[in-house]
């Protein structure tokens, strides 16, 4: 199972590492991983732990205020 956010579904993205010098600038492939952290979510009176990205974690904290 791929690591993804349980709330928004954010997964790994692809990108490039740019070469800083040289005539033929070769782009090296890389993967940009989401910043996933555990988040305690109450569902039906039961506390469950889910992996959520920091953006969703921040939004959930705003809703609880």
N, C-alpha and C. Protein backbone atom coordinates (compact mmCIF):
# COMPACT_ATOMS: atom_id res chain seq x y z
N UNK A 1 0.84 -1.17 0.00
CA UNK A 1 0.00 0.00 0.00
C UNK A 1 0.88 1.24 0.00
N UNK A 2 0.59 2.16 -0.88
CA UNK A 2 1.37 3.40 -0.97
C UNK A 2 1.04 4.30 0.20
N UNK A 3 2.02 5.08 0.64
CA UNK A 3 1.79 6.02 1.73
C UNK A 3 1.03 7.22 1.18
N UNK A 4 -0.18 7.40 1.70
CA UNK A 4 -1.00 8.52 1.25
C UNK A 4 -1.79 9.07 2.43
N UNK A 5 -2.26 10.28 2.29
CA UNK A 5 -3.05 10.93 3.32
C UNK A 5 -4.43 10.28 3.38
N UNK A 6 -4.90 9.98 4.59
CA UNK A 6 -6.19 9.33 4.75
C UNK A 6 -7.35 10.30 4.51
N UNK A 7 -7.09 11.62 4.56
CA UNK A 7 -8.15 12.60 4.44
C UNK A 7 -8.26 13.12 3.00
N UNK A 8 -7.15 13.62 2.44
CA UNK A 8 -7.22 14.23 1.10
C UNK A 8 -6.69 13.30 0.00
N UNK A 9 -5.98 12.23 0.36
CA UNK A 9 -5.49 11.29 -0.63
C UNK A 9 -4.19 11.70 -1.30
N UNK A 10 -3.48 12.67 -0.73
CA UNK A 10 -2.22 13.13 -1.31
C UNK A 10 -1.20 12.00 -1.30
N UNK A 11 -0.53 11.78 -2.45
CA UNK A 11 0.49 10.74 -2.57
C UNK A 11 1.78 11.38 -3.07
N UNK A 12 2.76 10.54 -3.36
CA UNK A 12 4.05 11.02 -3.83
C UNK A 12 3.90 11.68 -5.20
N UNK A 13 4.66 12.76 -5.42
CA UNK A 13 4.68 13.44 -6.70
C UNK A 13 6.06 13.27 -7.32
N UNK A 14 6.15 13.46 -8.61
CA UNK A 14 7.44 13.34 -9.27
C UNK A 14 7.96 14.73 -9.60
N UNK A 15 9.27 14.85 -9.64
CA UNK A 15 9.89 16.12 -9.95
C UNK A 15 11.29 15.90 -10.47
N UNK A 16 12.06 16.96 -10.55
CA UNK A 16 13.41 16.88 -11.08
C UNK A 16 14.39 17.58 -10.16
N UNK A 17 15.62 17.06 -10.10
CA UNK A 17 16.74 17.75 -9.50
C UNK A 17 17.49 18.42 -10.63
N UNK A 18 17.56 19.74 -10.63
CA UNK A 18 18.24 20.47 -11.69
C UNK A 18 19.75 20.44 -11.48
N UNK A 19 20.49 20.32 -12.56
CA UNK A 19 21.93 20.43 -12.50
C UNK A 19 22.27 21.92 -12.54
N UNK A 20 23.14 22.36 -11.65
CA UNK A 20 23.39 23.79 -11.52
C UNK A 20 24.41 24.32 -12.51
N UNK A 21 25.25 23.47 -13.08
CA UNK A 21 26.26 23.97 -14.01
C UNK A 21 26.39 23.00 -15.18
N UNK A 22 27.04 23.47 -16.22
CA UNK A 22 27.25 22.62 -17.38
C UNK A 22 26.42 23.06 -18.56
N UNK A 23 26.87 22.69 -19.75
CA UNK A 23 26.18 23.10 -20.96
C UNK A 23 24.91 22.29 -21.18
N UNK A 24 25.01 20.97 -21.03
CA UNK A 24 23.84 20.11 -21.18
C UNK A 24 23.28 19.84 -19.80
N UNK A 25 22.26 20.58 -19.43
CA UNK A 25 21.71 20.47 -18.08
C UNK A 25 20.84 19.22 -17.99
N UNK A 26 21.37 18.21 -17.36
CA UNK A 26 20.67 16.93 -17.23
C UNK A 26 19.75 17.01 -16.02
N UNK A 27 18.51 16.61 -16.22
CA UNK A 27 17.55 16.60 -15.11
C UNK A 27 17.48 15.20 -14.54
N UNK A 28 17.72 15.08 -13.25
CA UNK A 28 17.62 13.79 -12.57
C UNK A 28 16.24 13.67 -11.94
N UNK A 29 15.60 12.53 -12.13
CA UNK A 29 14.27 12.31 -11.57
C UNK A 29 14.34 12.14 -10.06
N UNK A 30 13.32 12.61 -9.38
CA UNK A 30 13.21 12.40 -7.94
C UNK A 30 11.74 12.31 -7.56
N UNK A 31 11.47 11.78 -6.36
CA UNK A 31 10.11 11.68 -5.85
C UNK A 31 9.94 12.62 -4.67
N UNK A 32 8.87 13.42 -4.69
CA UNK A 32 8.55 14.33 -3.60
C UNK A 32 7.50 13.66 -2.73
N UNK A 33 7.88 13.28 -1.52
CA UNK A 33 6.98 12.57 -0.63
C UNK A 33 6.16 13.55 0.21
N UNK A 34 4.90 13.24 0.49
CA UNK A 34 4.11 14.10 1.37
C UNK A 34 4.57 13.96 2.82
N UNK A 35 4.41 15.03 3.60
CA UNK A 35 4.80 15.02 5.00
C UNK A 35 3.64 14.43 5.80
N UNK A 36 3.67 13.11 6.02
CA UNK A 36 2.59 12.41 6.70
C UNK A 36 2.91 12.24 8.18
N UNK A 37 1.91 12.52 9.02
CA UNK A 37 2.05 12.36 10.46
C UNK A 37 0.79 11.70 11.00
N UNK A 38 0.91 11.06 12.15
CA UNK A 38 -0.26 10.40 12.73
C UNK A 38 -1.21 11.44 13.32
N UNK A 39 -2.50 11.19 13.16
CA UNK A 39 -3.53 12.09 13.64
C UNK A 39 -4.61 11.25 14.29
N UNK A 40 -4.99 11.61 15.51
CA UNK A 40 -6.06 10.91 16.21
C UNK A 40 -7.40 11.50 15.77
N UNK A 41 -8.27 10.67 15.19
CA UNK A 41 -9.56 11.12 14.67
C UNK A 41 -10.66 10.37 15.40
N UNK A 42 -11.70 11.09 15.82
CA UNK A 42 -12.84 10.47 16.50
C UNK A 42 -13.89 10.14 15.44
N UNK A 43 -14.19 8.86 15.30
CA UNK A 43 -15.20 8.41 14.33
C UNK A 43 -16.20 7.53 15.06
N UNK A 44 -17.41 8.01 15.22
CA UNK A 44 -18.45 7.23 15.89
C UNK A 44 -18.14 6.97 17.35
N UNK A 45 -17.48 7.92 18.00
CA UNK A 45 -17.15 7.76 19.41
C UNK A 45 -15.90 6.95 19.67
N UNK A 46 -15.26 6.46 18.63
CA UNK A 46 -14.04 5.66 18.77
C UNK A 46 -12.86 6.45 18.21
N UNK A 47 -11.78 6.52 18.98
CA UNK A 47 -10.59 7.24 18.54
C UNK A 47 -9.73 6.30 17.69
N UNK A 48 -9.46 6.70 16.46
CA UNK A 48 -8.59 5.93 15.57
C UNK A 48 -7.43 6.80 15.13
N UNK A 49 -6.31 6.16 14.86
CA UNK A 49 -5.13 6.89 14.40
C UNK A 49 -5.00 6.70 12.89
N UNK A 50 -4.80 7.82 12.18
CA UNK A 50 -4.65 7.78 10.73
C UNK A 50 -3.43 8.59 10.33
N UNK A 51 -2.90 8.28 9.14
CA UNK A 51 -1.82 9.08 8.58
C UNK A 51 -2.45 10.22 7.80
N UNK A 52 -2.06 11.44 8.16
CA UNK A 52 -2.60 12.62 7.49
C UNK A 52 -1.45 13.56 7.16
N UNK A 53 -1.58 14.27 6.05
CA UNK A 53 -0.55 15.26 5.69
C UNK A 53 -0.67 16.45 6.65
N UNK A 54 0.37 17.24 6.74
CA UNK A 54 0.40 18.34 7.69
C UNK A 54 -0.65 19.39 7.36
N UNK A 55 -1.00 19.56 6.11
CA UNK A 55 -2.03 20.53 5.72
C UNK A 55 -3.38 20.11 6.30
N UNK A 56 -3.72 18.81 6.19
CA UNK A 56 -4.99 18.31 6.73
C UNK A 56 -4.97 18.33 8.25
N UNK A 57 -3.82 18.04 8.85
CA UNK A 57 -3.69 18.06 10.30
C UNK A 57 -3.94 19.47 10.83
N UNK A 58 -3.42 20.46 10.13
CA UNK A 58 -3.60 21.86 10.51
C UNK A 58 -5.08 22.26 10.37
N UNK A 59 -5.72 21.83 9.29
CA UNK A 59 -7.13 22.15 9.06
C UNK A 59 -8.01 21.52 10.14
N UNK A 60 -7.71 20.28 10.52
CA UNK A 60 -8.49 19.60 11.56
C UNK A 60 -8.33 20.32 12.90
N UNK A 61 -7.15 20.85 13.18
CA UNK A 61 -6.93 21.58 14.43
C UNK A 61 -7.74 22.88 14.43
N UNK A 62 -7.90 23.51 13.27
CA UNK A 62 -8.68 24.74 13.17
C UNK A 62 -10.16 24.46 13.42
N UNK A 63 -10.66 23.32 12.92
CA UNK A 63 -12.08 22.98 13.07
C UNK A 63 -12.42 22.68 14.52
N UNK A 64 -11.45 22.16 15.30
CA UNK A 64 -11.75 21.77 16.67
C UNK A 64 -11.80 22.95 17.62
N UNK A 65 -11.33 24.13 17.19
CA UNK A 65 -11.37 25.32 18.05
C UNK A 65 -12.73 25.89 18.20
